[in-house]
Structure formats: structure tokens, C-alpha cells
Amino acid sequence: MINEVYIVVQELLNKNGYGLLTPTRFVAFAESAQLRVLEEALDEYRIKKRDAARYDAPDTLNSLEAIIEIFAARTMLSRETPSGVMKYHTLPSDYMRWGSANVDGVELVKQPSKTKAALERSYFISPTDSAPFCYIEGNKLYALPDTIGAIKDGNSYIAYDEIELVYYRYPKKPNWTYVMIDGKTPVFNPDSELYQDFEVPQSLFNRLVTNILGMVSVKLRDDFVAQVAANQDETDFTKRNR
């Protein structure tokens, strides 16, 4: 899909009197656009799922679920690091957004990090093994009570994987790879080892295009983008069947 997005973006820029994007700029914009449309889909899904509890679930809910499930991941967290057993669990390097977590089937309730002091000292809401809490600071997840994930052995601790985390990962960085023809014209080369297509599905094609165009201050309606994309598909079909 990345080449189709590249072609449509360049055509729209050309039609609107803007200079063409270099491959390097396109790739940078493509990365930002993919992340933005994914975050929009996650936010839209959260809102529509909340509203579905009061109203009939909209038709778009299933399609949004299909999109975000591409980026759903599951892992066990550990307090073990090269420096020893820490007070925190290290989040995965591709962690983007919270899904859920549990300890032996008991939900680990995520709280804002700013409430950590209140959680630790409150008599009424003090975390227990049957009602654990957690908060995140940077790439570190702190679980309360702090016995989660480690067993005390004398004066030291032994870490063990106890927290099961469900999260949404960052998408892979897209890369439109190419070869230069006559030293001046970049031509798409999907056979490169560095090639990476968008991970978001085709249904977000228009959003990708409009987001990339927005980064160079071109504002176009989705239906116009769709028309240009359809015209491009027809042109490609004609060329292939001459």
C-alpha cells in the first residue's frame, strides 16, 4: 500500500502546485501519519465501545476492532534487569498504549502516576494481593503491593514473571524503498531488504494520504482523495493491459 499512497500524494501535490516530496521526506511523513491514524483509531474505538454500552453497537465498532487487533500484543513482565531485581517491571520496547494487566487472573488496576503517593499511604485504598494497583513512569511499571513479581530470599530478591500485560504496540516504521533511474528519478523497489509497507489496513488509506498532505499544508476532502486514488488504479490497470 505504501507505493499507492506515495503515488497519490505526489499527484495531489503536483495538481495543487506544490513541489514533489523527496523519498526521505515522504518516509518521515509516512511514519508520523501511520502513528497518528492508529492513535485516532484507538481513541475512536474507546469512545464507540463506551457508547455501545448505552446504545446499539455501531457498525464501525467491528471494523475498528479489526484494525487495533493488528497491534495488540501480550507479554509477561519481569523485575529482572542487567543491574539486578528492581522495584519496577520494564515495559516492552514497542509499548505504545495500555490495554490491561493481571496477576494470576486478578486485574491490575492502572492508576495515574500522580496518585502514587496517595495509594501507598492510604489506609482505605491500600493495594493488596486481591486488589492490586499499578502506575507507569516512563518505560517502568510499578506494581503495588511491591511483593508482586519478586520473592524475598534473605536480604535479596528473586524475580519471577507474574504480571501478564496486554498492550498496543507501535507500528513498524514504513519505508518506501527505491532505485535511482538515470541518476535523478526514484523508482519504487519493493525487493529491497529495507522495504516496509504500512501496517495499518487499506481501510485507512485516505486517512494516511490526508495526514501526509496536511503536513505540507494541503487540505483536501476524503472523497477527493478517493477519486484521485480510483483514477490512479484505472490508469495502472490500463497500462498493465495494453
Protein backbone atom coordinates (compact mmCIF):
# COMPACT_ATOMS: atom_id res chain seq x y z
CA MET A 1 0.00 0.00 0.00
CA ILE A 2 2.87 2.41 0.65
CA ASN A 3 3.60 2.83 -3.05
CA GLU A 4 -0.05 3.61 -3.79
CA VAL A 5 -0.02 6.24 -1.04
CA TYR A 6 3.25 7.66 -2.43
CA ILE A 7 1.79 7.97 -5.96
CA VAL A 8 -1.45 9.62 -4.83
CA VAL A 9 0.35 12.05 -2.51
CA GLN A 10 2.76 13.12 -5.25
CA GLU A 11 -0.06 13.52 -7.79
CA LEU A 12 -2.13 15.64 -5.42
CA LEU A 13 0.86 17.80 -4.56
CA ASN A 14 1.58 18.30 -8.24
CA LYS A 15 -2.04 19.20 -9.02
CA ASN A 16 -2.07 21.78 -6.24
CA GLY A 17 1.13 23.46 -7.34
CA TYR A 18 3.39 22.09 -4.61
CA GLY A 19 6.79 20.58 -5.22
CA LEU A 20 7.12 16.81 -5.05
CA LEU A 21 8.28 15.19 -1.84
CA THR A 22 11.68 13.57 -1.80
CA PRO A 23 11.60 9.90 -0.74
CA THR A 24 13.28 10.82 2.54
CA ARG A 25 10.64 13.43 3.41
CA PHE A 26 7.84 11.12 2.31
CA VAL A 27 9.09 8.32 4.58
CA ALA A 28 9.35 10.71 7.54
CA PHE A 29 5.80 11.97 6.95
CA ALA A 30 4.54 8.42 6.37
CA GLU A 31 5.84 7.31 9.75
CA SER A 32 4.12 10.20 11.52
CA ALA A 33 0.89 9.69 9.56
CA GLN A 34 0.71 5.98 10.34
CA LEU A 35 1.16 6.60 14.04
CA ARG A 36 -1.43 9.37 14.02
CA VAL A 37 -4.13 7.36 12.23
CA LEU A 38 -3.53 4.42 14.55
CA GLU A 39 -3.89 6.61 17.63
CA GLU A 40 -7.06 8.09 16.14
CA ALA A 41 -8.44 4.59 15.58
CA LEU A 42 -7.63 3.60 19.17
CA ASP A 43 -9.34 6.71 20.54
CA GLU A 44 -12.35 6.23 18.27
CA TYR A 45 -12.65 2.59 19.32
CA ARG A 46 -12.51 3.51 23.01
CA ILE A 47 -15.29 6.09 22.59
CA LYS A 48 -17.53 3.88 20.46
CA LYS A 49 -17.08 0.90 22.78
CA ARG A 50 -18.06 3.08 25.73
CA ASP A 51 -21.12 4.34 23.89
CA ALA A 52 -22.06 0.81 22.85
CA ALA A 53 -22.90 0.08 26.50
CA ARG A 54 -25.76 2.59 26.22
CA TYR A 55 -26.72 2.25 22.58
CA ASP A 56 -26.66 -0.45 19.95
CA ALA A 57 -23.06 -1.03 18.88
CA PRO A 58 -22.36 0.90 15.67
CA ASP A 59 -21.33 -0.98 12.56
CA THR A 60 -17.90 0.65 12.70
CA LEU A 61 -17.06 -0.98 16.03
CA ASN A 62 -16.18 -4.33 14.47
CA SER A 63 -14.04 -2.72 11.79
CA LEU A 64 -12.19 -0.68 14.43
CA GLU A 65 -11.62 -3.83 16.47
CA ALA A 66 -10.10 -5.50 13.42
CA ILE A 67 -7.71 -2.56 12.99
CA ILE A 68 -6.46 -2.33 16.54
CA GLU A 69 -6.16 -6.09 16.97
CA ILE A 70 -3.31 -5.95 14.47
CA PHE A 71 -1.32 -4.08 17.09
CA ALA A 72 -2.48 -5.96 20.20
CA ALA A 73 0.33 -7.80 21.97
CA ARG A 74 0.69 -9.87 25.11
CA THR A 75 3.73 -10.49 27.29
CA MET A 76 4.87 -11.35 30.80
CA LEU A 77 6.69 -8.62 32.70
CA SER A 78 9.71 -9.07 34.91
CA ARG A 79 11.54 -7.06 37.54
CA GLU A 80 14.82 -8.63 36.46
CA THR A 81 17.29 -6.28 34.75
CA PRO A 82 21.03 -6.48 33.99
CA SER A 83 21.52 -4.44 37.18
CA GLY A 84 19.53 -6.85 39.33
CA VAL A 85 15.98 -7.08 40.65
CA MET A 86 14.32 -3.66 40.58
CA LYS A 87 11.22 -2.21 42.23
CA TYR A 88 9.63 -1.85 38.80
CA HIS A 89 8.75 -4.01 35.82
CA THR A 90 10.27 -2.95 32.49
CA LEU A 91 7.73 -2.34 29.73
CA PRO A 92 8.33 -3.80 26.25
CA SER A 93 10.38 -1.61 23.93
CA ASP A 94 7.46 -1.37 21.46
CA TYR A 95 4.89 -0.45 24.13
CA MET A 96 2.59 2.33 22.89
CA ARG A 97 -0.65 2.17 24.86
CA TRP A 98 -2.18 0.34 27.78
CA GLY A 99 -4.66 -2.48 27.27
CA SER A 100 -4.95 -4.42 30.53
CA ALA A 101 -2.89 -6.43 33.00
CA ASN A 102 -3.48 -9.16 35.53
CA VAL A 103 -1.70 -11.08 38.25
CA ASP A 104 -2.85 -14.72 38.36
CA GLY A 105 -6.17 -13.68 36.84
CA VAL A 106 -6.68 -10.70 39.18
CA GLU A 107 -6.93 -7.41 37.31
CA LEU A 108 -4.12 -4.97 37.94
CA VAL A 109 -5.82 -1.57 38.03
CA LYS A 110 -3.79 1.17 36.36
CA GLN A 111 -3.79 4.49 38.19
CA PRO A 112 -2.33 7.88 37.19
CA SER A 113 1.26 8.15 38.38
CA LYS A 114 0.42 11.40 40.20
CA THR A 115 -1.72 9.39 42.67
CA LYS A 116 1.06 7.00 43.66
CA ALA A 117 1.81 8.70 46.98
CA ALA A 118 -1.86 8.63 47.97
CA LEU A 119 -2.14 4.97 47.02
CA GLU A 120 0.88 3.99 49.06
CA ARG A 121 -0.17 5.75 52.25
CA SER A 122 -3.98 5.46 52.19
CA TYR A 123 -5.44 3.08 54.76
CA PHE A 124 -8.73 2.74 52.88
CA ILE A 125 -7.42 2.06 49.39
CA SER A 126 -4.15 0.37 50.25
CA PRO A 127 -3.37 -2.16 47.50
CA THR A 128 -3.49 -5.86 48.36
CA ASP A 129 -2.90 -9.12 46.51
CA SER A 130 -6.64 -9.32 45.84
CA ALA A 131 -6.88 -5.65 44.77
CA PRO A 132 -3.53 -4.66 43.22
CA PHE A 133 -2.72 -1.30 41.59
CA CYS A 134 -0.06 -0.09 39.23
CA TYR A 135 1.20 3.11 37.67
CA ILE A 136 3.61 3.88 34.84
CA GLU A 137 6.56 6.26 34.75
CA GLY A 138 8.48 6.32 31.51
CA ASN A 139 9.10 2.72 30.47
CA LYS A 140 8.66 1.42 34.02
CA LEU A 141 5.57 -0.15 35.55
CA TYR A 142 5.35 -0.07 39.34
CA ALA A 143 3.01 -2.65 40.86
CA LEU A 144 1.52 -2.41 44.34
CA PRO A 145 1.83 -4.19 46.66
CA ASP A 146 5.54 -4.27 45.89
CA THR A 147 5.74 -8.01 46.57
CA ILE A 148 4.35 -8.61 43.07
CA GLY A 149 6.98 -10.12 40.80
CA ALA A 150 9.65 -10.89 43.40
CA ILE A 151 10.25 -13.29 46.27
CA LYS A 152 12.45 -12.25 49.18
CA ASP A 153 15.33 -14.64 49.82
CA GLY A 154 17.18 -13.50 52.91
CA ASN A 155 18.40 -9.99 52.18
CA SER A 156 17.89 -10.27 48.43
CA TYR A 157 15.04 -10.75 45.98
CA ILE A 158 14.42 -13.32 43.29
CA ALA A 159 12.41 -12.05 40.34
CA TYR A 160 9.76 -14.09 38.57
CA ASP A 161 7.36 -13.22 35.77
CA GLU A 162 3.95 -12.66 37.32
CA ILE A 163 2.27 -9.76 35.54
CA GLU A 164 0.60 -10.56 32.23
CA LEU A 165 0.35 -7.39 30.16
CA VAL A 166 -1.91 -6.81 27.18
CA TYR A 167 -0.88 -3.68 25.29
CA TYR A 168 -0.88 -1.98 21.92
CA ARG A 169 2.49 -1.81 20.23
CA TYR A 170 3.98 0.83 17.99
CA PRO A 171 3.65 0.01 14.29
CA LYS A 172 6.77 -0.80 12.32
CA LYS A 173 8.29 2.23 10.60
CA PRO A 174 7.20 2.33 6.94
CA ASN A 175 9.91 2.66 4.32
CA TRP A 176 9.36 3.44 0.64
CA THR A 177 12.49 1.95 -0.90
CA TYR A 178 13.64 2.85 -4.38
CA VAL A 179 16.36 2.78 -7.02
CA MET A 180 17.51 5.81 -9.00
CA ILE A 181 16.96 5.78 -12.77
CA ASP A 182 19.32 7.95 -14.80
CA GLY A 183 20.63 9.29 -11.53
CA LYS A 184 17.60 11.52 -10.94
CA THR A 185 14.31 9.60 -10.89
CA PRO A 186 13.45 7.43 -7.86
CA VAL A 187 11.53 4.26 -8.81
CA PHE A 188 9.84 2.07 -6.23
CA ASN A 189 11.80 -1.06 -5.29
CA PRO A 190 9.85 -3.44 -3.02
CA ASP A 191 12.64 -6.05 -3.25
CA SER A 192 14.96 -4.07 -1.00
CA GLU A 193 15.78 -5.61 2.39
CA LEU A 194 14.86 -2.25 3.93
CA TYR A 195 11.36 -2.17 2.44
CA GLN A 196 8.49 -1.92 4.94
CA ASP A 197 4.87 -1.42 4.00
CA PHE A 198 2.32 0.32 6.20
CA GLU A 199 0.94 -1.99 8.87
CA VAL A 200 -2.42 -0.24 9.10
CA PRO A 201 -5.04 -1.77 6.77
CA GLN A 202 -6.24 -0.50 3.39
CA SER A 203 -9.36 0.97 5.03
CA LEU A 204 -7.16 3.78 6.41
CA PHE A 205 -5.70 4.67 3.01
CA ASN A 206 -7.49 8.03 2.76
CA ARG A 207 -6.53 8.98 6.29
CA LEU A 208 -2.87 8.26 5.55
CA VAL A 209 -2.95 10.41 2.42
CA THR A 210 -4.78 13.34 4.04
CA ASN A 211 -2.47 13.25 7.06
CA ILE A 212 0.66 13.32 4.91
CA LEU A 213 -0.76 16.15 2.79
CA GLY A 214 -1.67 18.04 5.95
CA MET A 215 2.00 18.03 6.95
CA VAL A 216 2.75 20.12 3.88
CA SER A 217 -0.33 22.30 4.46
CA VAL A 218 -2.52 20.74 1.76
CA LYS A 219 -6.10 20.31 2.96
CA LEU A 220 -8.30 18.03 0.83
CA ARG A 221 -11.56 16.18 1.38
CA ASP A 222 -11.52 12.40 1.73
CA ASP A 223 -13.86 11.97 -1.25
CA PHE A 224 -11.45 13.90 -3.48
CA VAL A 225 -8.55 11.74 -2.31
CA ALA A 226 -10.62 8.63 -3.03
CA GLN A 227 -11.37 9.87 -6.56
CA VAL A 228 -7.70 10.51 -7.32
CA ALA A 229 -6.81 7.06 -5.96
CA ALA A 230 -9.51 5.46 -8.13
CA ASN A 231 -8.24 7.31 -11.21
CA GLN A 232 -4.73 6.10 -10.45
CA ASP A 233 -5.92 2.50 -10.15
CA GLU A 234 -7.66 2.82 -13.54
CA THR A 235 -4.52 4.25 -15.11
CA ASP A 236 -2.39 1.43 -13.73
CA PHE A 237 -4.89 -1.15 -14.97
CA THR A 238 -4.82 0.34 -18.47
CA LYS A 239 -1.03 0.30 -18.57
CA ARG A 240 -0.90 -3.35 -17.48
CA ASN A 241 -3.39 -4.44 -20.14
CA ARG A 242 -2.09 -2.65 -23.19
